[in-house]
Amino acid sequence: MLIAIGTKNKAKTGAVEAVVKQCINEELVFEHIEVASGVSVQPMTDAETREGAINRAKNTSNVSNADFSFGLEGGVKEIDGVMYVCNWGALVLKNGHVITAAGAQIPLPETVAEAVKSGRELGPVMDEYTQQNDIRQHSGAIGIFTQDFVDRKEMFEHVIKLLIGQYFFQKA
């Protein structure tokens, strides 16, 4: 079974590979394909983040002959003046059917939120905040702000489980 992932981000590809290996008892081949999200570099709403995940999955499906094409997108959204991290995933089947799911959401500290509101992307803001490089490839904001009780890979694993679970439900 060919599984395509619309990114080369280690946290995202690691999440897809871990969950698919756990849930699908077949010989698996994984492709990591860098594709466009078709949304802002920093999605600012749930809707835009969801659209980015769907676009990534569709764009991956368009360039691969995969049985499953995954798209994952991280973004932010604001509720009552508080900025939250939001995450979405999409699974496109070979027949073009699209399945979506959202992940965990937690509030960002005000200093980080203000930097994002000023037009900066969360990833580089987090690198500065933590004085580390490429946080989005590892713990992510969610890992930093949960003391790694939940890191970015684990958060996306939950999204992938929701996608695959829906696939099996719809298939039943």
N, C-alpha and C. Protein backbone atom coordinates (compact mmCIF):
# COMPACT_ATOMS: atom_id res chain seq x y z
N MET A 1 0.85 -1.17 0.00
CA MET A 1 0.00 0.00 0.00
C MET A 1 0.89 1.23 0.00
N LEU A 2 0.62 2.15 -0.91
CA LEU A 2 1.41 3.37 -1.02
C LEU A 2 0.73 4.49 -0.24
N ILE A 3 1.49 5.11 0.65
CA ILE A 3 1.01 6.20 1.49
C ILE A 3 1.84 7.44 1.15
N ALA A 4 1.18 8.50 0.72
CA ALA A 4 1.87 9.76 0.40
C ALA A 4 1.56 10.80 1.47
N ILE A 5 2.57 11.56 1.83
CA ILE A 5 2.45 12.59 2.86
C ILE A 5 2.90 13.91 2.24
N GLY A 6 2.04 14.91 2.28
CA GLY A 6 2.29 16.18 1.63
C GLY A 6 3.18 17.11 2.40
N THR A 7 4.33 16.62 2.83
CA THR A 7 5.32 17.42 3.55
C THR A 7 6.57 16.59 3.76
N LYS A 8 7.65 17.28 4.13
CA LYS A 8 8.86 16.58 4.57
C LYS A 8 9.16 16.92 6.02
N ASN A 9 8.22 17.61 6.69
CA ASN A 9 8.37 17.96 8.10
C ASN A 9 8.42 16.69 8.94
N LYS A 10 9.47 16.55 9.75
CA LYS A 10 9.70 15.31 10.50
C LYS A 10 8.59 15.00 11.50
N ALA A 11 8.06 16.00 12.16
CA ALA A 11 6.99 15.75 13.13
C ALA A 11 5.76 15.19 12.42
N LYS A 12 5.44 15.75 11.26
CA LYS A 12 4.25 15.31 10.51
C LYS A 12 4.46 13.95 9.86
N THR A 13 5.59 13.75 9.19
CA THR A 13 5.82 12.46 8.53
C THR A 13 5.95 11.35 9.56
N GLY A 14 6.60 11.65 10.67
CA GLY A 14 6.73 10.66 11.74
C GLY A 14 5.38 10.25 12.31
N ALA A 15 4.48 11.22 12.45
CA ALA A 15 3.14 10.93 12.96
C ALA A 15 2.38 10.01 12.01
N VAL A 16 2.39 10.34 10.73
CA VAL A 16 1.68 9.52 9.74
C VAL A 16 2.25 8.11 9.73
N GLU A 17 3.55 7.99 9.65
CA GLU A 17 4.17 6.66 9.56
C GLU A 17 3.87 5.82 10.80
N ALA A 18 3.97 6.41 11.98
CA ALA A 18 3.73 5.66 13.22
C ALA A 18 2.30 5.13 13.28
N VAL A 19 1.33 5.98 12.97
CA VAL A 19 -0.07 5.57 13.10
C VAL A 19 -0.48 4.61 11.99
N VAL A 20 -0.07 4.88 10.77
CA VAL A 20 -0.44 3.99 9.66
C VAL A 20 0.14 2.59 9.90
N LYS A 21 1.38 2.51 10.36
CA LYS A 21 1.99 1.20 10.66
C LYS A 21 1.21 0.47 11.76
N GLN A 22 0.67 1.23 12.68
CA GLN A 22 -0.09 0.66 13.80
C GLN A 22 -1.48 0.19 13.36
N CYS A 23 -2.08 0.87 12.39
CA CYS A 23 -3.48 0.64 12.03
C CYS A 23 -3.70 -0.21 10.79
N ILE A 24 -2.71 -0.30 9.93
CA ILE A 24 -2.90 -0.99 8.65
C ILE A 24 -1.90 -2.14 8.55
N ASN A 25 -2.43 -3.32 8.48
CA ASN A 25 -1.61 -4.53 8.47
C ASN A 25 -1.34 -4.98 7.04
N GLU A 26 -0.60 -4.17 6.32
CA GLU A 26 -0.20 -4.47 4.94
C GLU A 26 1.24 -4.02 4.75
N GLU A 27 1.83 -4.43 3.64
CA GLU A 27 3.15 -3.90 3.30
C GLU A 27 2.96 -2.44 2.92
N LEU A 28 3.73 -1.57 3.53
CA LEU A 28 3.56 -0.13 3.35
C LEU A 28 4.79 0.50 2.74
N VAL A 29 4.55 1.44 1.82
CA VAL A 29 5.60 2.27 1.25
C VAL A 29 5.17 3.72 1.48
N PHE A 30 6.09 4.54 1.99
CA PHE A 30 5.78 5.94 2.29
C PHE A 30 6.53 6.86 1.34
N GLU A 31 5.83 7.87 0.83
CA GLU A 31 6.42 8.95 0.03
C GLU A 31 6.24 10.25 0.79
N HIS A 32 7.29 11.04 0.89
CA HIS A 32 7.20 12.38 1.47
C HIS A 32 7.33 13.35 0.30
N ILE A 33 6.29 14.12 0.05
CA ILE A 33 6.26 15.01 -1.11
C ILE A 33 5.99 16.43 -0.64
N GLU A 34 6.88 17.34 -0.96
CA GLU A 34 6.69 18.75 -0.59
C GLU A 34 5.69 19.36 -1.56
N VAL A 35 4.54 19.78 -1.05
CA VAL A 35 3.50 20.39 -1.89
C VAL A 35 3.04 21.69 -1.25
N ALA A 36 2.40 22.52 -2.06
CA ALA A 36 1.88 23.80 -1.57
C ALA A 36 0.59 23.59 -0.79
N SER A 37 0.40 24.44 0.21
CA SER A 37 -0.85 24.41 0.98
C SER A 37 -1.92 25.28 0.33
N GLY A 38 -1.50 26.24 -0.47
CA GLY A 38 -2.46 27.13 -1.11
C GLY A 38 -3.10 28.13 -0.15
N VAL A 39 -2.55 28.23 1.06
CA VAL A 39 -3.05 29.21 2.03
C VAL A 39 -1.86 30.05 2.51
N SER A 40 -2.12 30.98 3.40
CA SER A 40 -1.05 31.82 3.95
C SER A 40 0.04 30.97 4.59
N VAL A 41 1.25 31.51 4.61
CA VAL A 41 2.35 30.83 5.29
C VAL A 41 1.97 30.60 6.76
N GLN A 42 1.24 31.55 7.34
CA GLN A 42 0.73 31.41 8.70
C GLN A 42 -0.79 31.48 8.66
N PRO A 43 -1.46 30.33 8.57
CA PRO A 43 -2.93 30.35 8.59
C PRO A 43 -3.43 30.95 9.91
N MET A 44 -4.43 31.82 9.81
CA MET A 44 -4.89 32.58 10.97
C MET A 44 -6.29 32.20 11.46
N THR A 45 -6.91 31.19 10.84
CA THR A 45 -8.24 30.74 11.27
C THR A 45 -8.32 29.23 11.15
N ASP A 46 -9.31 28.65 11.82
CA ASP A 46 -9.58 27.22 11.67
C ASP A 46 -9.86 26.90 10.21
N ALA A 47 -10.70 27.73 9.57
CA ALA A 47 -11.10 27.46 8.18
C ALA A 47 -9.89 27.47 7.25
N GLU A 48 -9.01 28.44 7.41
CA GLU A 48 -7.83 28.52 6.55
C GLU A 48 -6.88 27.35 6.81
N THR A 49 -6.73 26.97 8.07
CA THR A 49 -5.86 25.85 8.42
C THR A 49 -6.42 24.55 7.83
N ARG A 50 -7.73 24.35 7.95
CA ARG A 50 -8.39 23.17 7.38
C ARG A 50 -8.20 23.14 5.86
N GLU A 51 -8.40 24.29 5.24
CA GLU A 51 -8.22 24.39 3.78
C GLU A 51 -6.79 24.02 3.38
N GLY A 52 -5.81 24.46 4.17
CA GLY A 52 -4.42 24.12 3.88
C GLY A 52 -4.17 22.62 3.95
N ALA A 53 -4.76 21.96 4.94
CA ALA A 53 -4.61 20.50 5.06
C ALA A 53 -5.24 19.79 3.87
N ILE A 54 -6.44 20.22 3.50
CA ILE A 54 -7.13 19.61 2.35
C ILE A 54 -6.32 19.83 1.08
N ASN A 55 -5.86 21.06 0.87
CA ASN A 55 -5.06 21.35 -0.33
C ASN A 55 -3.79 20.51 -0.38
N ARG A 56 -3.13 20.36 0.75
CA ARG A 56 -1.91 19.54 0.78
C ARG A 56 -2.23 18.09 0.41
N ALA A 57 -3.31 17.55 0.96
CA ALA A 57 -3.68 16.16 0.66
C ALA A 57 -4.06 16.01 -0.81
N LYS A 58 -4.84 16.96 -1.34
CA LYS A 58 -5.24 16.90 -2.76
C LYS A 58 -4.04 17.07 -3.68
N ASN A 59 -3.18 18.03 -3.36
CA ASN A 59 -1.99 18.27 -4.19
C ASN A 59 -1.06 17.06 -4.17
N THR A 60 -0.98 16.40 -3.03
CA THR A 60 -0.17 15.18 -2.92
C THR A 60 -0.79 14.08 -3.77
N SER A 61 -2.10 13.93 -3.67
CA SER A 61 -2.81 12.91 -4.46
C SER A 61 -2.63 13.15 -5.96
N ASN A 62 -2.59 14.41 -6.36
CA ASN A 62 -2.46 14.76 -7.78
C ASN A 62 -1.11 14.37 -8.37
N VAL A 63 -0.07 14.26 -7.53
CA VAL A 63 1.26 13.94 -8.05
C VAL A 63 1.74 12.54 -7.64
N SER A 64 0.86 11.78 -7.00
CA SER A 64 1.21 10.44 -6.54
C SER A 64 0.11 9.47 -6.92
N ASN A 65 0.46 8.22 -7.01
CA ASN A 65 -0.53 7.17 -7.26
C ASN A 65 -0.86 6.47 -5.94
N ALA A 66 -0.79 7.22 -4.84
CA ALA A 66 -0.94 6.65 -3.51
C ALA A 66 -2.37 6.20 -3.24
N ASP A 67 -2.48 5.20 -2.39
CA ASP A 67 -3.78 4.75 -1.91
C ASP A 67 -4.35 5.77 -0.93
N PHE A 68 -3.49 6.30 -0.06
CA PHE A 68 -3.85 7.34 0.90
C PHE A 68 -2.90 8.51 0.70
N SER A 69 -3.45 9.72 0.64
CA SER A 69 -2.64 10.94 0.59
C SER A 69 -3.02 11.81 1.78
N PHE A 70 -2.04 12.14 2.60
CA PHE A 70 -2.28 12.91 3.81
C PHE A 70 -1.79 14.35 3.66
N GLY A 71 -2.55 15.28 4.20
CA GLY A 71 -2.15 16.66 4.32
C GLY A 71 -2.35 17.10 5.75
N LEU A 72 -1.36 17.74 6.33
CA LEU A 72 -1.44 18.23 7.71
C LEU A 72 -1.05 19.69 7.71
N GLU A 73 -1.78 20.48 8.48
CA GLU A 73 -1.52 21.93 8.52
C GLU A 73 -1.68 22.44 9.94
N GLY A 74 -0.72 23.24 10.36
CA GLY A 74 -0.81 23.92 11.65
C GLY A 74 -1.13 25.38 11.42
N GLY A 75 -1.89 25.96 12.33
CA GLY A 75 -2.25 27.36 12.23
C GLY A 75 -2.58 27.92 13.59
N VAL A 76 -3.19 29.09 13.58
CA VAL A 76 -3.66 29.72 14.81
C VAL A 76 -5.07 30.24 14.57
N LYS A 77 -5.77 30.48 15.67
CA LYS A 77 -7.09 31.10 15.59
C LYS A 77 -7.30 31.90 16.86
N GLU A 78 -8.21 32.85 16.80
CA GLU A 78 -8.46 33.69 17.95
C GLU A 78 -9.89 33.50 18.43
N ILE A 79 -10.04 33.32 19.74
CA ILE A 79 -11.35 33.22 20.38
C ILE A 79 -11.35 34.17 21.57
N ASP A 80 -12.29 35.10 21.59
CA ASP A 80 -12.42 36.05 22.70
C ASP A 80 -11.09 36.73 23.04
N GLY A 81 -10.34 37.09 22.00
CA GLY A 81 -9.09 37.81 22.20
C GLY A 81 -7.90 36.94 22.60
N VAL A 82 -8.10 35.62 22.66
CA VAL A 82 -7.01 34.71 23.01
C VAL A 82 -6.63 33.91 21.76
N MET A 83 -5.34 33.88 21.45
CA MET A 83 -4.88 33.14 20.28
C MET A 83 -4.54 31.70 20.67
N TYR A 84 -5.06 30.77 19.88
CA TYR A 84 -4.85 29.34 20.09
C TYR A 84 -4.08 28.74 18.92
N VAL A 85 -3.29 27.72 19.20
CA VAL A 85 -2.72 26.88 18.16
C VAL A 85 -3.86 26.00 17.67
N CYS A 86 -3.98 25.82 16.34
CA CYS A 86 -4.95 24.86 15.81
C CYS A 86 -4.26 24.01 14.75
N ASN A 87 -4.74 22.80 14.58
CA ASN A 87 -4.11 21.84 13.67
C ASN A 87 -5.19 21.04 12.97
N TRP A 88 -5.00 20.81 11.68
CA TRP A 88 -5.96 20.06 10.87
C TRP A 88 -5.24 19.02 10.03
N GLY A 89 -5.96 17.97 9.74
CA GLY A 89 -5.46 16.94 8.84
C GLY A 89 -6.52 16.58 7.83
N ALA A 90 -6.06 16.11 6.67
CA ALA A 90 -6.96 15.62 5.62
C ALA A 90 -6.36 14.36 5.03
N LEU A 91 -7.25 13.45 4.68
CA LEU A 91 -6.89 12.21 4.00
C LEU A 91 -7.68 12.16 2.71
N VAL A 92 -6.97 12.05 1.59
CA VAL A 92 -7.61 11.90 0.28
C VAL A 92 -7.36 10.47 -0.18
N LEU A 93 -8.45 9.78 -0.48
CA LEU A 93 -8.36 8.41 -0.98
C LEU A 93 -8.12 8.43 -2.48
N LYS A 94 -7.73 7.29 -3.02
CA LYS A 94 -7.43 7.18 -4.45
C LYS A 94 -8.62 7.61 -5.32
N ASN A 95 -9.85 7.40 -4.81
CA ASN A 95 -11.05 7.78 -5.56
C ASN A 95 -11.41 9.26 -5.41
N GLY A 96 -10.59 10.02 -4.66
CA GLY A 96 -10.81 11.45 -4.49
C GLY A 96 -11.61 11.83 -3.26
N HIS A 97 -12.14 10.85 -2.54
CA HIS A 97 -12.92 11.13 -1.32
C HIS A 97 -12.01 11.80 -0.28
N VAL A 98 -12.53 12.84 0.39
CA VAL A 98 -11.76 13.61 1.37
C VAL A 98 -12.34 13.40 2.77
N ILE A 99 -11.46 13.12 3.72
CA ILE A 99 -11.82 12.99 5.13
C ILE A 99 -11.00 14.03 5.90
N THR A 100 -11.62 14.73 6.85
CA THR A 100 -10.89 15.75 7.62
C THR A 100 -11.06 15.53 9.12
N ALA A 101 -10.12 16.07 9.88
CA ALA A 101 -10.18 16.04 11.35
C ALA A 101 -9.30 17.15 11.90
N ALA A 102 -9.67 17.63 13.08
CA ALA A 102 -8.91 18.67 13.77
C ALA A 102 -8.21 18.08 14.98
N GLY A 103 -7.16 18.77 15.41
CA GLY A 103 -6.38 18.30 16.55
C GLY A 103 -6.53 19.20 17.76
N ALA A 104 -5.67 18.95 18.73
CA ALA A 104 -5.69 19.67 20.00
C ALA A 104 -5.45 21.17 19.77
N GLN A 105 -6.01 21.96 20.66
CA GLN A 105 -5.85 23.40 20.58
C GLN A 105 -5.56 23.93 21.98
N ILE A 106 -4.49 24.73 22.09
CA ILE A 106 -4.15 25.34 23.37
C ILE A 106 -3.84 26.82 23.14
N PRO A 107 -4.04 27.64 24.18
CA PRO A 107 -3.74 29.07 24.02
C PRO A 107 -2.23 29.32 24.00
N LEU A 108 -1.87 30.34 23.25
CA LEU A 108 -0.47 30.78 23.20
C LEU A 108 -0.25 31.88 24.23
N PRO A 109 0.94 31.94 24.83
CA PRO A 109 1.25 33.07 25.71
C PRO A 109 1.12 34.38 24.94
N GLU A 110 0.75 35.42 25.64
CA GLU A 110 0.49 36.72 25.01
C GLU A 110 1.68 37.23 24.19
N THR A 111 2.90 37.04 24.68
CA THR A 111 4.07 37.53 23.94
C THR A 111 4.20 36.84 22.58
N VAL A 112 3.92 35.55 22.54
CA VAL A 112 3.98 34.80 21.28
C VAL A 112 2.82 35.22 20.39
N ALA A 113 1.63 35.32 20.96
CA ALA A 113 0.45 35.72 20.19
C ALA A 113 0.63 37.09 19.56
N GLU A 114 1.19 38.03 20.30
CA GLU A 114 1.40 39.38 19.77
C GLU A 114 2.35 39.36 18.58
N ALA A 115 3.40 38.56 18.65
CA ALA A 115 4.34 38.46 17.54
C ALA A 115 3.65 37.89 16.30
N VAL A 116 2.80 36.89 16.48
CA VAL A 116 2.07 36.30 15.35
C VAL A 116 1.06 37.31 14.79
N LYS A 117 0.36 38.01 15.68
CA LYS A 117 -0.62 39.02 15.24
C LYS A 117 0.05 40.13 14.43
N SER A 118 1.33 40.38 14.70
CA SER A 118 2.05 41.43 13.98
C SER A 118 2.45 41.00 12.57
N GLY A 119 2.14 39.73 12.22
CA GLY A 119 2.43 39.27 10.87
C GLY A 119 3.53 38.23 10.77
N ARG A 120 4.09 37.83 11.89
CA ARG A 120 5.17 36.84 11.87
C ARG A 120 4.60 35.43 11.91
N GLU A 121 5.36 34.49 11.37
CA GLU A 121 4.97 33.08 11.37
C GLU A 121 5.32 32.47 12.73
N LEU A 122 4.45 31.57 13.22
CA LEU A 122 4.63 30.97 14.54
C LEU A 122 5.96 30.23 14.66
N GLY A 123 6.37 29.48 13.64
CA GLY A 123 7.61 28.69 13.72
C GLY A 123 8.83 29.52 14.10
N PRO A 124 9.15 30.57 13.35
CA PRO A 124 10.30 31.41 13.71
C PRO A 124 10.12 32.12 15.06
N VAL A 125 8.89 32.50 15.38
CA VAL A 125 8.63 33.12 16.69
C VAL A 125 8.99 32.13 17.80
N MET A 126 8.59 30.87 17.61
CA MET A 126 8.89 29.84 18.61
C MET A 126 10.39 29.57 18.70
N ASP A 127 11.09 29.61 17.56
CA ASP A 127 12.54 29.43 17.59
C ASP A 127 13.19 30.51 18.46
N GLU A 128 12.74 31.75 18.29
CA GLU A 128 13.27 32.85 19.10
C GLU A 128 12.89 32.67 20.57
N TYR A 129 11.63 32.34 20.80
CA TYR A 129 11.11 32.19 22.16
C TYR A 129 11.90 31.14 22.94
N THR A 130 12.23 30.03 22.27
CA THR A 130 12.92 28.91 22.94
C THR A 130 14.44 28.96 22.78
N GLN A 131 14.90 29.84 21.89
CA GLN A 131 16.32 29.91 21.54
C GLN A 131 16.83 28.56 21.03
N GLN A 132 15.97 27.90 20.24
CA GLN A 132 16.30 26.64 19.58
C GLN A 132 16.02 26.79 18.10
N ASN A 133 16.49 25.85 17.30
CA ASN A 133 16.27 25.90 15.86
C ASN A 133 15.21 24.90 15.43
N ASP A 134 14.31 25.36 14.56
CA ASP A 134 13.35 24.50 13.88
C ASP A 134 12.47 23.70 14.83
N ILE A 135 11.89 24.37 15.80
CA ILE A 135 10.99 23.75 16.78
C ILE A 135 9.87 22.99 16.08
N ARG A 136 9.38 23.50 14.94
CA ARG A 136 8.25 22.87 14.25
C ARG A 136 8.57 21.46 13.76
N GLN A 137 9.85 21.13 13.62
CA GLN A 137 10.24 19.78 13.20
C GLN A 137 10.26 18.81 14.38
N HIS A 138 10.12 19.34 15.59
CA HIS A 138 10.29 18.52 16.78
C HIS A 138 9.09 18.70 17.72
N SER A 139 9.30 19.36 18.85
CA SER A 139 8.24 19.51 19.86
C SER A 139 7.08 20.37 19.39
N GLY A 140 7.39 21.40 18.62
CA GLY A 140 6.37 22.35 18.22
C GLY A 140 5.94 23.22 19.39
N ALA A 141 5.10 24.21 19.09
CA ALA A 141 4.59 25.09 20.15
C ALA A 141 3.84 24.28 21.19
N ILE A 142 3.07 23.29 20.73
CA ILE A 142 2.27 22.50 21.67
C ILE A 142 3.17 21.75 22.65
N GLY A 143 4.31 21.26 22.18
CA GLY A 143 5.25 20.58 23.07
C GLY A 143 5.88 21.52 24.08
N ILE A 144 6.27 22.69 23.61
CA ILE A 144 6.88 23.67 24.50
C ILE A 144 5.91 24.07 25.59
N PHE A 145 4.65 24.36 25.21
CA PHE A 145 3.69 24.90 26.17
C PHE A 145 2.93 23.83 26.95
N THR A 146 3.29 22.54 26.74
CA THR A 146 2.76 21.47 27.59
C THR A 146 3.91 20.73 28.29
N GLN A 147 5.10 21.32 28.28
CA GLN A 147 6.29 20.69 28.87
C GLN A 147 6.53 19.31 28.25
N ASP A 148 6.21 19.18 26.95
CA ASP A 148 6.35 17.94 26.19
C ASP A 148 5.48 16.79 26.69
N PHE A 149 4.44 17.11 27.46
CA PHE A 149 3.45 16.08 27.75
C PHE A 149 2.78 15.65 26.45
N VAL A 150 2.61 16.60 25.55
CA VAL A 150 2.12 16.33 24.19
C VAL A 150 3.00 17.13 23.24
N ASP A 151 3.75 16.44 22.37
CA ASP A 151 4.56 17.17 21.40
C ASP A 151 3.84 17.21 20.05
N ARG A 152 4.43 17.87 19.10
CA ARG A 152 3.78 18.08 17.80
C ARG A 152 3.50 16.75 17.08
N LYS A 153 4.45 15.84 17.13
CA LYS A 153 4.25 14.53 16.49
C LYS A 153 3.08 13.80 17.12
N GLU A 154 3.04 13.77 18.45
CA GLU A 154 1.95 13.08 19.15
C GLU A 154 0.60 13.73 18.86
N MET A 155 0.58 15.06 18.80
CA MET A 155 -0.66 15.77 18.50
C MET A 155 -1.15 15.38 17.10
N PHE A 156 -0.22 15.35 16.12
CA PHE A 156 -0.62 14.96 14.77
C PHE A 156 -0.97 13.47 14.69
N GLU A 157 -0.36 12.63 15.54
CA GLU A 157 -0.75 11.22 15.57
C GLU A 157 -2.23 11.08 15.90
N HIS A 158 -2.70 11.89 16.83
CA HIS A 158 -4.12 11.86 17.20
C HIS A 158 -4.99 12.24 16.00
N VAL A 159 -4.58 13.26 15.26
CA VAL A 159 -5.32 13.67 14.06
C VAL A 159 -5.35 12.53 13.04
N ILE A 160 -4.22 11.88 12.83
CA ILE A 160 -4.15 10.77 11.87
C ILE A 160 -5.06 9.63 12.31
N LYS A 161 -5.08 9.34 13.61
CA LYS A 161 -5.99 8.30 14.12
C LYS A 161 -7.45 8.67 13.83
N LEU A 162 -7.79 9.93 14.00
CA LEU A 162 -9.15 10.38 13.69
C LEU A 162 -9.47 10.19 12.21
N LEU A 163 -8.51 10.49 11.35
CA LEU A 163 -8.71 10.32 9.90
C LEU A 163 -8.88 8.85 9.54
N ILE A 164 -7.97 8.01 10.01
CA ILE A 164 -8.02 6.59 9.67
C ILE A 164 -9.25 5.93 10.29
N GLY A 165 -9.59 6.33 11.51
CA GLY A 165 -10.79 5.80 12.15
C GLY A 165 -12.04 6.11 11.35
N GLN A 166 -12.13 7.33 10.83
CA GLN A 166 -13.28 7.68 9.98
C GLN A 166 -13.28 6.86 8.69
N TYR A 167 -12.09 6.65 8.13
CA TYR A 167 -11.98 5.83 6.92
C TYR A 167 -12.55 4.44 7.18
N PHE A 168 -12.13 3.80 8.26
CA PHE A 168 -12.62 2.45 8.57
C PHE A 168 -14.12 2.46 8.87
N PHE A 169 -14.62 3.50 9.54
CA PHE A 169 -16.06 3.60 9.81
C PHE A 169 -16.84 3.71 8.50
N GLN A 170 -16.39 4.57 7.60
CA GLN A 170 -17.09 4.77 6.33
C GLN A 170 -17.00 3.55 5.44
N LYS A 171 -15.93 2.79 5.58
CA LYS A 171 -15.72 1.59 4.78
C LYS A 171 -16.60 0.43 5.27
N ALA A 172 -16.95 0.45 6.56
CA ALA A 172 -17.71 -0.66 7.18
C ALA A 172 -19.13 -0.78 6.62
